[in-house]
Amino acid sequence: MSKDDYHVIIYQILSYLYQCLKSGKAVEPGKLRADSVYFTANGQSINIGYWAYIIYHLRRGGYIEGVVFTDMDNLSVPYPADLDGCMITPEGIEYLTDNSFLAKAREFLKETKAIVPFV
């Protein structure tokens, strides 16, 4: 597992959104963007298409809400243009706490001392 692994990124996004919800703090959209330091591996940001895919499928799966999408050339999924209203859903909380792949991602991040880097 690596820092740019799908489940690691999912875990980081959902964990951050859940912590914001529990603490009553506003989500900082910059922390969720592809070029955020939290999604940088080996000195490079994750691929914008990969990031858009992840955000799109989190929304489509009902794990997050409040994202505004727009079509963008060269992307296979809509681009998440506005993350200001992004928040975790009850389904996202359940997925975060009950999914075995996300548990593995949590352990990976714990080992690398990067667990919930946003907080």
PDB file of N, CA and C in Angstrom:
ATOM      1  N   MET A   1       0.849  -1.170   0.000  1.00  0.00           N
ATOM      2  CA  MET A   1       0.000   0.000   0.000  1.00  0.00           C
ATOM      3  C   MET A   1       0.901   1.240   0.000  1.00  0.00           C
ATOM      4  N   SER A   2       0.491   2.251  -0.727  1.00  0.00           N
ATOM      5  CA  SER A   2       1.274   3.479  -0.780  1.00  0.00           C
ATOM      6  C   SER A   2       0.368   4.681  -0.517  1.00  0.00           C
ATOM      7  N   LYS A   3       0.987   5.822  -0.355  1.00  0.00           N
ATOM      8  CA  LYS A   3       0.256   7.038  -0.013  1.00  0.00           C
ATOM      9  C   LYS A   3      -0.768   7.437  -1.071  1.00  0.00           C
ATOM     10  N   ASP A   4      -0.529   7.043  -2.333  1.00  0.00           N
ATOM     11  CA  ASP A   4      -1.479   7.395  -3.384  1.00  0.00           C
ATOM     12  C   ASP A   4      -2.420   6.242  -3.740  1.00  0.00           C
ATOM     13  N   ASP A   5      -2.467   5.225  -2.883  1.00  0.00           N
ATOM     14  CA  ASP A   5      -3.389   4.109  -3.083  1.00  0.00           C
ATOM     15  C   ASP A   5      -4.831   4.598  -2.916  1.00  0.00           C
ATOM     16  N   TYR A   6      -5.715   4.060  -3.706  1.00  0.00           N
ATOM     17  CA  TYR A   6      -7.124   4.449  -3.712  1.00  0.00           C
ATOM     18  C   TYR A   6      -7.718   4.471  -2.311  1.00  0.00           C
ATOM     19  N   HIS A   7      -7.557   3.380  -1.570  1.00  0.00           N
ATOM     20  CA  HIS A   7      -8.172   3.286  -0.250  1.00  0.00           C
ATOM     21  C   HIS A   7      -7.522   4.209   0.775  1.00  0.00           C
ATOM     22  N   VAL A   8      -6.262   4.507   0.613  1.00  0.00           N
ATOM     23  CA  VAL A   8      -5.588   5.451   1.500  1.00  0.00           C
ATOM     24  C   VAL A   8      -6.174   6.851   1.290  1.00  0.00           C
ATOM     25  N   ILE A   9      -6.355   7.228   0.047  1.00  0.00           N
ATOM     26  CA  ILE A   9      -6.924   8.550  -0.259  1.00  0.00           C
ATOM     27  C   ILE A   9      -8.369   8.634   0.220  1.00  0.00           C
ATOM     28  N   ILE A  10      -9.141   7.581  -0.012  1.00  0.00           N
ATOM     29  CA  ILE A  10     -10.527   7.532   0.460  1.00  0.00           C
ATOM     30  C   ILE A  10     -10.561   7.703   1.983  1.00  0.00           C
ATOM     31  N   TYR A  11      -9.694   6.969   2.660  1.00  0.00           N
ATOM     32  CA  TYR A  11      -9.647   7.055   4.112  1.00  0.00           C
ATOM     33  C   TYR A  11      -9.323   8.478   4.579  1.00  0.00           C
ATOM     34  N   GLN A  12      -8.353   9.098   3.950  1.00  0.00           N
ATOM     35  CA  GLN A  12      -7.970  10.457   4.342  1.00  0.00           C
ATOM     36  C   GLN A  12      -9.118  11.443   4.133  1.00  0.00           C
ATOM     37  N   ILE A  13      -9.780  11.354   3.002  1.00  0.00           N
ATOM     38  CA  ILE A  13     -10.887  12.267   2.703  1.00  0.00           C
ATOM     39  C   ILE A  13     -12.024  12.076   3.695  1.00  0.00           C
ATOM     40  N   LEU A  14     -12.471  10.828   3.853  1.00  0.00           N
ATOM     41  CA  LEU A  14     -13.595  10.576   4.741  1.00  0.00           C
ATOM     42  C   LEU A  14     -13.257  10.883   6.200  1.00  0.00           C
ATOM     43  N   SER A  15     -12.043  10.571   6.620  1.00  0.00           N
ATOM     44  CA  SER A  15     -11.630  10.862   7.995  1.00  0.00           C
ATOM     45  C   SER A  15     -11.649  12.360   8.257  1.00  0.00           C
ATOM     46  N   TYR A  16     -11.118  13.118   7.316  1.00  0.00           N
ATOM     47  CA  TYR A  16     -11.103  14.572   7.462  1.00  0.00           C
ATOM     48  C   TYR A  16     -12.527  15.121   7.553  1.00  0.00           C
ATOM     49  N   LEU A  17     -13.384  14.680   6.647  1.00  0.00           N
ATOM     50  CA  LEU A  17     -14.761  15.179   6.641  1.00  0.00           C
ATOM     51  C   LEU A  17     -15.499  14.783   7.922  1.00  0.00           C
ATOM     52  N   TYR A  18     -15.240  13.597   8.416  1.00  0.00           N
ATOM     53  CA  TYR A  18     -15.881  13.139   9.648  1.00  0.00           C
ATOM     54  C   TYR A  18     -15.390  13.956  10.846  1.00  0.00           C
ATOM     55  N   GLN A  19     -14.089  14.226  10.890  1.00  0.00           N
ATOM     56  CA  GLN A  19     -13.547  15.047  11.981  1.00  0.00           C
ATOM     57  C   GLN A  19     -14.129  16.454  11.940  1.00  0.00           C
ATOM     58  N   CYS A  20     -14.287  17.018  10.753  1.00  0.00           N
ATOM     59  CA  CYS A  20     -14.897  18.345  10.628  1.00  0.00           C
ATOM     60  C   CYS A  20     -16.334  18.315  11.136  1.00  0.00           C
ATOM     61  N   LEU A  21     -17.081  17.298  10.765  1.00  0.00           N
ATOM     62  CA  LEU A  21     -18.467  17.175  11.200  1.00  0.00           C
ATOM     63  C   LEU A  21     -18.546  17.073  12.720  1.00  0.00           C
ATOM     64  N   LYS A  22     -17.748  16.212  13.309  1.00  0.00           N
ATOM     65  CA  LYS A  22     -17.795  16.006  14.764  1.00  0.00           C
ATOM     66  C   LYS A  22     -17.363  17.242  15.543  1.00  0.00           C
ATOM     67  N   SER A  23     -16.395  17.976  15.016  1.00  0.00           N
ATOM     68  CA  SER A  23     -15.875  19.139  15.735  1.00  0.00           C
ATOM     69  C   SER A  23     -16.634  20.428  15.425  1.00  0.00           C
ATOM     70  N   GLY A  24     -17.472  20.398  14.385  1.00  0.00           N
ATOM     71  CA  GLY A  24     -18.209  21.590  13.990  1.00  0.00           C
ATOM     72  C   GLY A  24     -17.372  22.580  13.202  1.00  0.00           C
ATOM     73  N   LYS A  25     -16.199  22.154  12.740  1.00  0.00           N
ATOM     74  CA  LYS A  25     -15.328  23.037  11.960  1.00  0.00           C
ATOM     75  C   LYS A  25     -15.705  22.980  10.488  1.00  0.00           C
ATOM     76  N   ALA A  26     -15.519  24.103   9.824  1.00  0.00           N
ATOM     77  CA  ALA A  26     -15.788  24.165   8.384  1.00  0.00           C
ATOM     78  C   ALA A  26     -14.726  23.381   7.622  1.00  0.00           C
ATOM     79  N   VAL A  27     -15.152  22.750   6.561  1.00  0.00           N
ATOM     80  CA  VAL A  27     -14.238  22.031   5.679  1.00  0.00           C
ATOM     81  C   VAL A  27     -13.395  23.043   4.917  1.00  0.00           C
ATOM     82  N   GLU A  28     -12.110  22.809   4.840  1.00  0.00           N
ATOM     83  CA  GLU A  28     -11.211  23.632   4.033  1.00  0.00           C
ATOM     84  C   GLU A  28     -11.012  22.920   2.695  1.00  0.00           C
ATOM     85  N   PRO A  29     -11.669  23.403   1.628  1.00  0.00           N
ATOM     86  CA  PRO A  29     -11.615  22.716   0.339  1.00  0.00           C
ATOM     87  C   PRO A  29     -10.196  22.469  -0.180  1.00  0.00           C
ATOM     88  N   GLY A  30      -9.272  23.365   0.120  1.00  0.00           N
ATOM     89  CA  GLY A  30      -7.898  23.196  -0.341  1.00  0.00           C
ATOM     90  C   GLY A  30      -7.249  21.927   0.166  1.00  0.00           C
ATOM     91  N   LYS A  31      -7.706  21.438   1.303  1.00  0.00           N
ATOM     92  CA  LYS A  31      -7.155  20.199   1.857  1.00  0.00           C
ATOM     93  C   LYS A  31      -7.651  18.964   1.116  1.00  0.00           C
ATOM     94  N   LEU A  32      -8.695  19.131   0.323  1.00  0.00           N
ATOM     95  CA  LEU A  32      -9.268  18.013  -0.419  1.00  0.00           C
ATOM     96  C   LEU A  32      -8.849  17.979  -1.883  1.00  0.00           C
ATOM     97  N   ARG A  33      -8.179  18.991  -2.350  1.00  0.00           N
ATOM     98  CA  ARG A  33      -7.808  19.090  -3.766  1.00  0.00           C
ATOM     99  C   ARG A  33      -6.650  18.159  -4.120  1.00  0.00           C
ATOM    100  N   ALA A  34      -6.550  17.843  -5.382  1.00  0.00           N
ATOM    101  CA  ALA A  34      -5.513  16.924  -5.871  1.00  0.00           C
ATOM    102  C   ALA A  34      -4.113  17.428  -5.577  1.00  0.00           C
ATOM    103  N   ASP A  35      -3.915  18.734  -5.564  1.00  0.00           N
ATOM    104  CA  ASP A  35      -2.578  19.280  -5.343  1.00  0.00           C
ATOM    105  C   ASP A  35      -2.275  19.530  -3.870  1.00  0.00           C
ATOM    106  N   SER A  36      -3.154  19.076  -2.986  1.00  0.00           N
ATOM    107  CA  SER A  36      -2.918  19.203  -1.552  1.00  0.00           C
ATOM    108  C   SER A  36      -1.686  18.392  -1.151  1.00  0.00           C
ATOM    109  N   VAL A  37      -0.956  18.859  -0.174  1.00  0.00           N
ATOM    110  CA  VAL A  37       0.223  18.128   0.298  1.00  0.00           C
ATOM    111  C   VAL A  37      -0.166  16.755   0.825  1.00  0.00           C
ATOM    112  N   TYR A  38      -1.416  16.581   1.217  1.00  0.00           N
ATOM    113  CA  TYR A  38      -1.870  15.306   1.754  1.00  0.00           C
ATOM    114  C   TYR A  38      -2.018  14.231   0.684  1.00  0.00           C
ATOM    115  N   PHE A  39      -2.099  14.637  -0.563  1.00  0.00           N
ATOM    116  CA  PHE A  39      -2.219  13.674  -1.660  1.00  0.00           C
ATOM    117  C   PHE A  39      -0.994  13.701  -2.562  1.00  0.00           C
ATOM    118  N   THR A  40       0.117  14.084  -2.008  1.00  0.00           N
ATOM    119  CA  THR A  40       1.375  14.124  -2.743  1.00  0.00           C
ATOM    120  C   THR A  40       2.186  12.888  -2.392  1.00  0.00           C
ATOM    121  N   ALA A  41       2.628  12.184  -3.413  1.00  0.00           N
ATOM    122  CA  ALA A  41       3.461  11.000  -3.206  1.00  0.00           C
ATOM    123  C   ALA A  41       4.729  11.168  -4.028  1.00  0.00           C
ATOM    124  N   ASN A  42       5.851  10.919  -3.411  1.00  0.00           N
ATOM    125  CA  ASN A  42       7.148  11.039  -4.077  1.00  0.00           C
ATOM    126  C   ASN A  42       7.341  12.422  -4.707  1.00  0.00           C
ATOM    127  N   GLY A  43       6.859  13.437  -4.020  1.00  0.00           N
ATOM    128  CA  GLY A  43       7.043  14.802  -4.485  1.00  0.00           C
ATOM    129  C   GLY A  43       6.096  15.240  -5.582  1.00  0.00           C
ATOM    130  N   GLN A  44       5.132  14.393  -5.954  1.00  0.00           N
ATOM    131  CA  GLN A  44       4.204  14.754  -7.025  1.00  0.00           C
ATOM    132  C   GLN A  44       2.766  14.605  -6.560  1.00  0.00           C
ATOM    133  N   SER A  45       1.930  15.532  -6.990  1.00  0.00           N
ATOM    134  CA  SER A  45       0.498  15.443  -6.705  1.00  0.00           C
ATOM    135  C   SER A  45      -0.087  14.269  -7.469  1.00  0.00           C
ATOM    136  N   ILE A  46      -1.187  13.755  -6.961  1.00  0.00           N
ATOM    137  CA  ILE A  46      -1.839  12.673  -7.693  1.00  0.00           C
ATOM    138  C   ILE A  46      -2.420  13.216  -8.991  1.00  0.00           C
ATOM    139  N   ASN A  47      -2.596  12.346  -9.926  1.00  0.00           N
ATOM    140  CA  ASN A  47      -3.146  12.673 -11.232  1.00  0.00           C
ATOM    141  C   ASN A  47      -4.541  13.263 -11.069  1.00  0.00           C
ATOM    142  N   ILE A  48      -4.812  14.360 -11.761  1.00  0.00           N
ATOM    143  CA  ILE A  48      -6.089  15.062 -11.630  1.00  0.00           C
ATOM    144  C   ILE A  48      -7.264  14.172 -12.043  1.00  0.00           C
ATOM    145  N   GLY A  49      -7.070  13.342 -13.052  1.00  0.00           N
ATOM    146  CA  GLY A  49      -8.130  12.427 -13.474  1.00  0.00           C
ATOM    147  C   GLY A  49      -8.423  11.377 -12.409  1.00  0.00           C
ATOM    148  N   TYR A  50      -7.374  10.889 -11.760  1.00  0.00           N
ATOM    149  CA  TYR A  50      -7.508   9.904 -10.680  1.00  0.00           C
ATOM    150  C   TYR A  50      -8.244  10.536  -9.499  1.00  0.00           C
ATOM    151  N   TRP A  51      -7.850  11.752  -9.145  1.00  0.00           N
ATOM    152  CA  TRP A  51      -8.490  12.469  -8.047  1.00  0.00           C
ATOM    153  C   TRP A  51      -9.970  12.718  -8.357  1.00  0.00           C
ATOM    154  N   ALA A  52     -10.266  13.186  -9.560  1.00  0.00           N
ATOM    155  CA  ALA A  52     -11.651  13.449  -9.953  1.00  0.00           C
ATOM    156  C   ALA A  52     -12.476  12.165  -9.895  1.00  0.00           C
ATOM    157  N   TYR A  53     -11.888  11.057 -10.328  1.00  0.00           N
ATOM    158  CA  TYR A  53     -12.531   9.747 -10.287  1.00  0.00           C
ATOM    159  C   TYR A  53     -12.908   9.386  -8.847  1.00  0.00           C
ATOM    160  N   ILE A  54     -11.971   9.587  -7.923  1.00  0.00           N
ATOM    161  CA  ILE A  54     -12.209   9.248  -6.519  1.00  0.00           C
ATOM    162  C   ILE A  54     -13.345  10.098  -5.939  1.00  0.00           C
ATOM    163  N   ILE A  55     -13.277  11.411  -6.129  1.00  0.00           N
ATOM    164  CA  ILE A  55     -14.309  12.303  -5.596  1.00  0.00           C
ATOM    165  C   ILE A  55     -15.669  11.988  -6.219  1.00  0.00           C
ATOM    166  N   TYR A  56     -15.673  11.779  -7.531  1.00  0.00           N
ATOM    167  CA  TYR A  56     -16.927  11.466  -8.231  1.00  0.00           C
ATOM    168  C   TYR A  56     -17.564  10.194  -7.668  1.00  0.00           C
ATOM    169  N   HIS A  57     -16.779   9.166  -7.473  1.00  0.00           N
ATOM    170  CA  HIS A  57     -17.332   7.902  -6.998  1.00  0.00           C
ATOM    171  C   HIS A  57     -17.673   7.928  -5.510  1.00  0.00           C
ATOM    172  N   LEU A  58     -17.001   8.758  -4.738  1.00  0.00           N
ATOM    173  CA  LEU A  58     -17.428   8.950  -3.356  1.00  0.00           C
ATOM    174  C   LEU A  58     -18.829   9.576  -3.330  1.00  0.00           C
ATOM    175  N   ARG A  59     -19.045  10.556  -4.211  1.00  0.00           N
ATOM    176  CA  ARG A  59     -20.367  11.197  -4.301  1.00  0.00           C
ATOM    177  C   ARG A  59     -21.406  10.237  -4.863  1.00  0.00           C
ATOM    178  N   ARG A  60     -21.049   9.564  -5.918  1.00  0.00           N
ATOM    179  CA  ARG A  60     -21.980   8.640  -6.570  1.00  0.00           C
ATOM    180  C   ARG A  60     -22.369   7.492  -5.632  1.00  0.00           C
ATOM    181  N   GLY A  61     -21.431   7.066  -4.794  1.00  0.00           N
ATOM    182  CA  GLY A  61     -21.705   6.000  -3.839  1.00  0.00           C
ATOM    183  C   GLY A  61     -22.493   6.471  -2.625  1.00  0.00           C
ATOM    184  N   GLY A  62     -22.705   7.778  -2.526  1.00  0.00           N
ATOM    185  CA  GLY A  62     -23.474   8.327  -1.425  1.00  0.00           C
ATOM    186  C   GLY A  62     -22.665   8.539  -0.153  1.00  0.00           C
ATOM    187  N   TYR A  63     -21.318   8.538  -0.266  1.00  0.00           N
ATOM    188  CA  TYR A  63     -20.457   8.688   0.908  1.00  0.00           C
ATOM    189  C   TYR A  63     -20.154  10.146   1.240  1.00  0.00           C
ATOM    190  N   ILE A  64     -20.274  11.016   0.247  1.00  0.00           N
ATOM    191  CA  ILE A  64     -20.114  12.451   0.458  1.00  0.00           C
ATOM    192  C   ILE A  64     -21.228  13.168  -0.299  1.00  0.00           C
ATOM    193  N   GLU A  65     -21.454  14.424   0.089  1.00  0.00           N
ATOM    194  CA  GLU A  65     -22.442  15.255  -0.609  1.00  0.00           C
ATOM    195  C   GLU A  65     -21.936  16.690  -0.633  1.00  0.00           C
ATOM    196  N   GLY A  66     -22.635  17.525  -1.393  1.00  0.00           N
ATOM    197  CA  GLY A  66     -22.301  18.939  -1.426  1.00  0.00           C
ATOM    198  C   GLY A  66     -21.191  19.315  -2.389  1.00  0.00           C
ATOM    199  N   VAL A  67     -20.831  18.422  -3.286  1.00  0.00           N
ATOM    200  CA  VAL A  67     -19.791  18.696  -4.281  1.00  0.00           C
ATOM    201  C   VAL A  67     -20.479  19.120  -5.576  1.00  0.00           C
ATOM    202  N   VAL A  68     -19.982  20.191  -6.192  1.00  0.00           N
ATOM    203  CA  VAL A  68     -20.515  20.647  -7.477  1.00  0.00           C
ATOM    204  C   VAL A  68     -19.560  20.185  -8.565  1.00  0.00           C
ATOM    205  N   PHE A  69     -20.093  19.466  -9.535  1.00  0.00           N
ATOM    206  CA  PHE A  69     -19.298  18.917 -10.629  1.00  0.00           C
ATOM    207  C   PHE A  69     -19.547  19.680 -11.917  1.00  0.00           C
ATOM    208  N   THR A  70     -18.554  19.627 -12.794  1.00  0.00           N
ATOM    209  CA  THR A  70     -18.680  20.194 -14.129  1.00  0.00           C
ATOM    210  C   THR A  70     -17.944  19.278 -15.099  1.00  0.00           C
ATOM    211  N   ASP A  71     -18.371  19.292 -16.351  1.00  0.00           N
ATOM    212  CA  ASP A  71     -17.657  18.501 -17.361  1.00  0.00           C
ATOM    213  C   ASP A  71     -16.347  19.187 -17.700  1.00  0.00           C
ATOM    214  N   MET A  72     -15.347  18.392 -17.945  1.00  0.00           N
ATOM    215  CA  MET A  72     -14.021  18.911 -18.285  1.00  0.00           C
ATOM    216  C   MET A  72     -13.423  18.011 -19.356  1.00  0.00           C
ATOM    217  N   ASP A  73     -12.835  18.624 -20.355  1.00  0.00           N
ATOM    218  CA  ASP A  73     -12.217  17.856 -21.433  1.00  0.00           C
ATOM    219  C   ASP A  73     -11.155  16.922 -20.876  1.00  0.00           C
ATOM    220  N   ASN A  74     -11.012  15.789 -21.520  1.00  0.00           N
ATOM    221  CA  ASN A  74      -9.987  14.799 -21.213  1.00  0.00           C
ATOM    222  C   ASN A  74     -10.188  14.065 -19.886  1.00  0.00           C
ATOM    223  N   LEU A  75     -11.331  14.209 -19.245  1.00  0.00           N
ATOM    224  CA  LEU A  75     -11.615  13.444 -18.031  1.00  0.00           C
ATOM    225  C   LEU A  75     -12.779  12.503 -18.309  1.00  0.00           C
ATOM    226  N   SER A  76     -12.679  11.305 -17.769  1.00  0.00           N
ATOM    227  CA  SER A  76     -13.732  10.315 -17.985  1.00  0.00           C
ATOM    228  C   SER A  76     -14.913  10.496 -17.034  1.00  0.00           C
ATOM    229  N   VAL A  77     -14.735  11.311 -16.004  1.00  0.00           N
ATOM    230  CA  VAL A  77     -15.800  11.602 -15.037  1.00  0.00           C
ATOM    231  C   VAL A  77     -15.911  13.119 -14.896  1.00  0.00           C
ATOM    232  N   PRO A  78     -17.025  13.613 -14.380  1.00  0.00           N
ATOM    233  CA  PRO A  78     -17.131  15.059 -14.147  1.00  0.00           C
ATOM    234  C   PRO A  78     -16.077  15.542 -13.148  1.00  0.00           C
ATOM    235  N   TYR A  79     -15.653  16.777 -13.325  1.00  0.00           N
ATOM    236  CA  TYR A  79     -14.626  17.378 -12.473  1.00  0.00           C
ATOM    237  C   TYR A  79     -15.277  18.023 -11.245  1.00  0.00           C
ATOM    238  N   PRO A  80     -14.772  17.739 -10.032  1.00  0.00           N
ATOM    239  CA  PRO A  80     -15.309  18.368  -8.826  1.00  0.00           C
ATOM    240  C   PRO A  80     -14.843  19.820  -8.716  1.00  0.00           C
ATOM    241  N   ALA A  81     -15.626  20.735  -9.273  1.00  0.00           N
ATOM    242  CA  ALA A  81     -15.224  22.136  -9.385  1.00  0.00           C
ATOM    243  C   ALA A  81     -15.390  22.923  -8.087  1.00  0.00           C
ATOM    244  N   ASP A  82     -16.297  22.496  -7.228  1.00  0.00           N
ATOM    245  CA  ASP A  82     -16.561  23.241  -5.994  1.00  0.00           C
ATOM    246  C   ASP A  82     -16.732  22.255  -4.844  1.00  0.00           C
ATOM    247  N   LEU A  83     -15.815  22.336  -3.881  1.00  0.00           N
ATOM    248  CA  LEU A  83     -15.841  21.452  -2.711  1.00  0.00           C
ATOM    249  C   LEU A  83     -16.250  22.199  -1.441  1.00  0.00           C
ATOM    250  N   ASP A  84     -16.679  23.449  -1.580  1.00  0.00           N
ATOM    251  CA  ASP A  84     -17.014  24.274  -0.412  1.00  0.00           C
ATOM    252  C   ASP A  84     -18.074  23.644   0.484  1.00  0.00           C
ATOM    253  N   GLY A  85     -19.054  22.992  -0.103  1.00  0.00           N
ATOM    254  CA  GLY A  85     -20.137  22.395   0.686  1.00  0.00           C
ATOM    255  C   GLY A  85     -19.955  20.916   0.941  1.00  0.00           C
ATOM    256  N   CYS A  86     -18.780  20.395   0.680  1.00  0.00           N
ATOM    257  CA  CYS A  86     -18.530  18.963   0.809  1.00  0.00           C
ATOM    258  C   CYS A  86     -18.662  18.507   2.259  1.00  0.00           C
ATOM    259  N   MET A  87     -19.364  17.402   2.456  1.00  0.00           N
ATOM    260  CA  MET A  87     -19.468  16.816   3.787  1.00  0.00           C
ATOM    261  C   MET A  87     -19.720  15.316   3.685  1.00  0.00           C
ATOM    262  N   ILE A  88     -19.381  14.624   4.743  1.00  0.00           N
ATOM    263  CA  ILE A  88     -19.582  13.182   4.796  1.00  0.00           C
ATOM    264  C   ILE A  88     -21.057  12.907   5.091  1.00  0.00           C
ATOM    265  N   THR A  89     -21.563  11.803   4.570  1.00  0.00           N
ATOM    266  CA  THR A  89     -22.938  11.383   4.822  1.00  0.00           C
ATOM    267  C   THR A  89     -22.932  10.275   5.875  1.00  0.00           C
ATOM    268  N   PRO A  90     -24.091   9.917   6.409  1.00  0.00           N
ATOM    269  CA  PRO A  90     -24.137   8.776   7.323  1.00  0.00           C
ATOM    270  C   PRO A  90     -23.585   7.497   6.672  1.00  0.00           C
ATOM    271  N   GLU A  91     -23.847   7.322   5.382  1.00  0.00           N
ATOM    272  CA  GLU A  91     -23.303   6.161   4.668  1.00  0.00           C
ATOM    273  C   GLU A  91     -21.779   6.232   4.606  1.00  0.00           C
ATOM    274  N   GLY A  92     -21.246   7.446   4.470  1.00  0.00           N
ATOM    275  CA  GLY A  92     -19.801   7.625   4.452  1.00  0.00           C
ATOM    276  C   GLY A  92     -19.176   7.298   5.796  1.00  0.00           C
ATOM    277  N   ILE A  93     -19.857   7.674   6.875  1.00  0.00           N
ATOM    278  CA  ILE A  93     -19.366   7.358   8.216  1.00  0.00           C
ATOM    279  C   ILE A  93     -19.352   5.844   8.413  1.00  0.00           C
ATOM    280  N   GLU A  94     -20.410   5.194   7.999  1.00  0.00           N
ATOM    281  CA  GLU A  94     -20.476   3.732   8.118  1.00  0.00           C
ATOM    282  C   GLU A  94     -19.380   3.071   7.285  1.00  0.00           C
ATOM    283  N   TYR A  95     -19.187   3.537   6.070  1.00  0.00           N
ATOM    284  CA  TYR A  95     -18.143   2.993   5.194  1.00  0.00           C
ATOM    285  C   TYR A  95     -16.762   3.192   5.815  1.00  0.00           C
ATOM    286  N   LEU A  96     -16.535   4.361   6.380  1.00  0.00           N
ATOM    287  CA  LEU A  96     -15.260   4.685   7.014  1.00  0.00           C
ATOM    288  C   LEU A  96     -14.977   3.751   8.189  1.00  0.00           C
ATOM    289  N   THR A  97     -15.983   3.453   8.980  1.00  0.00           N
ATOM    290  CA  THR A  97     -15.770   2.685  10.199  1.00  0.00           C
ATOM    291  C   THR A  97     -15.880   1.174  10.012  1.00  0.00           C
ATOM    292  N   ASP A  98     -16.553   0.720   8.957  1.00  0.00           N
ATOM    293  CA  ASP A  98     -16.804  -0.715   8.808  1.00  0.00           C
ATOM    294  C   ASP A  98     -16.081  -1.401   7.655  1.00  0.00           C
ATOM    295  N   ASN A  99     -15.446  -0.659   6.765  1.00  0.00           N
ATOM    296  CA  ASN A  99     -14.844  -1.257   5.574  1.00  0.00           C
ATOM    297  C   ASN A  99     -13.452  -1.806   5.881  1.00  0.00           C
ATOM    298  N   SER A 100     -13.206  -3.067   5.529  1.00  0.00           N
ATOM    299  CA  SER A 100     -11.917  -3.709   5.841  1.00  0.00           C
ATOM    300  C   SER A 100     -10.759  -3.091   5.056  1.00  0.00           C
ATOM    301  N   PHE A 101     -11.001  -2.645   3.847  1.00  0.00           N
ATOM    302  CA  PHE A 101      -9.934  -1.998   3.072  1.00  0.00           C
ATOM    303  C   PHE A 101      -9.537  -0.668   3.714  1.00  0.00           C
ATOM    304  N   LEU A 102     -10.524   0.052   4.230  1.00  0.00           N
ATOM    305  CA  LEU A 102     -10.216   1.318   4.888  1.00  0.00           C
ATOM    306  C   LEU A 102      -9.510   1.070   6.220  1.00  0.00           C
ATOM    307  N   ALA A 103      -9.799  -0.047   6.864  1.00  0.00           N
ATOM    308  CA  ALA A 103      -9.077  -0.401   8.093  1.00  0.00           C
ATOM    309  C   ALA A 103      -7.604  -0.652   7.778  1.00  0.00           C
ATOM    310  N   LYS A 104      -7.337  -1.300   6.650  1.00  0.00           N
ATOM    311  CA  LYS A 104      -5.946  -1.523   6.224  1.00  0.00           C
ATOM    312  C   LYS A 104      -5.264  -0.191   5.905  1.00  0.00           C
ATOM    313  N   ALA A 105      -5.999   0.708   5.265  1.00  0.00           N
ATOM    314  CA  ALA A 105      -5.449   2.029   4.953  1.00  0.00           C
ATOM    315  C   ALA A 105      -5.136   2.787   6.237  1.00  0.00           C
ATOM    316  N   ARG A 106      -6.035   2.696   7.218  1.00  0.00           N
ATOM    317  CA  ARG A 106      -5.808   3.352   8.513  1.00  0.00           C
ATOM    318  C   ARG A 106      -4.531   2.814   9.166  1.00  0.00           C
ATOM    319  N   GLU A 107      -4.332   1.506   9.130  1.00  0.00           N
ATOM    320  CA  GLU A 107      -3.124   0.906   9.706  1.00  0.00           C
ATOM    321  C   GLU A 107      -1.870   1.358   8.960  1.00  0.00           C
ATOM    322  N   PHE A 108      -1.969   1.445   7.630  1.00  0.00           N
ATOM    323  CA  PHE A 108      -0.838   1.929   6.843  1.00  0.00           C
ATOM    324  C   PHE A 108      -0.482   3.352   7.250  1.00  0.00           C
ATOM    325  N   LEU A 109      -1.483   4.206   7.365  1.00  0.00           N
ATOM    326  CA  LEU A 109      -1.237   5.602   7.732  1.00  0.00           C
ATOM    327  C   LEU A 109      -0.726   5.710   9.172  1.00  0.00           C
ATOM    328  N   LYS A 110      -1.229   4.851  10.045  1.00  0.00           N
ATOM    329  CA  LYS A 110      -0.758   4.863  11.426  1.00  0.00           C
ATOM    330  C   LYS A 110       0.726   4.495  11.476  1.00  0.00           C
ATOM    331  N   GLU A 111       1.111   3.502  10.686  1.00  0.00           N
ATOM    332  CA  GLU A 111       2.510   3.073  10.632  1.00  0.00           C
ATOM    333  C   GLU A 111       3.418   4.164  10.076  1.00  0.00           C
ATOM    334  N   THR A 112       2.899   4.947   9.154  1.00  0.00           N
ATOM    335  CA  THR A 112       3.708   6.011   8.547  1.00  0.00           C
ATOM    336  C   THR A 112       3.503   7.339   9.273  1.00  0.00           C
ATOM    337  N   LYS A 113       2.793   7.285  10.394  1.00  0.00           N
ATOM    338  CA  LYS A 113       2.521   8.474  11.229  1.00  0.00           C
ATOM    339  C   LYS A 113       1.791   9.569  10.444  1.00  0.00           C
ATOM    340  N   ALA A 114       0.975   9.151   9.508  1.00  0.00           N
ATOM    341  CA  ALA A 114       0.240  10.123   8.692  1.00  0.00           C
ATOM    342  C   ALA A 114      -1.262  10.020   8.894  1.00  0.00           C
ATOM    343  N   ILE A 115      -1.677   9.326   9.938  1.00  0.00           N
ATOM    344  CA  ILE A 115      -3.116   9.131  10.147  1.00  0.00           C
ATOM    345  C   ILE A 115      -3.810  10.465  10.404  1.00  0.00           C
ATOM    346  N   VAL A 116      -4.892  10.672   9.752  1.00  0.00           N
ATOM    347  CA  VAL A 116      -5.679  11.895   9.791  1.00  0.00           C
ATOM    348  C   VAL A 116      -4.767  13.121   9.760  1.00  0.00           C
ATOM    349  N   PRO A 117      -4.008  13.269   8.669  1.00  0.00           N
ATOM    350  CA  PRO A 117      -3.042  14.356   8.587  1.00  0.00           C
ATOM    351  C   PRO A 117      -3.682  15.732   8.589  1.00  0.00           C
ATOM    352  N   PHE A 118      -4.952  15.806   8.272  1.00  0.00           N
ATOM    353  CA  PHE A 118      -5.617  17.094   8.176  1.00  0.00           C
ATOM    354  C   PHE A 118      -5.866  17.736   9.530  1.00  0.00           C
ATOM    355  N   VAL A 119      -5.996  16.915  10.550  1.00  0.00           N
ATOM    356  CA  VAL A 119      -6.417  17.405  11.857  1.00  0.00           C
ATOM    357  C   VAL A 119      -5.237  17.901  12.666  1.00  0.00           C
TER     358      VAL A 119
END
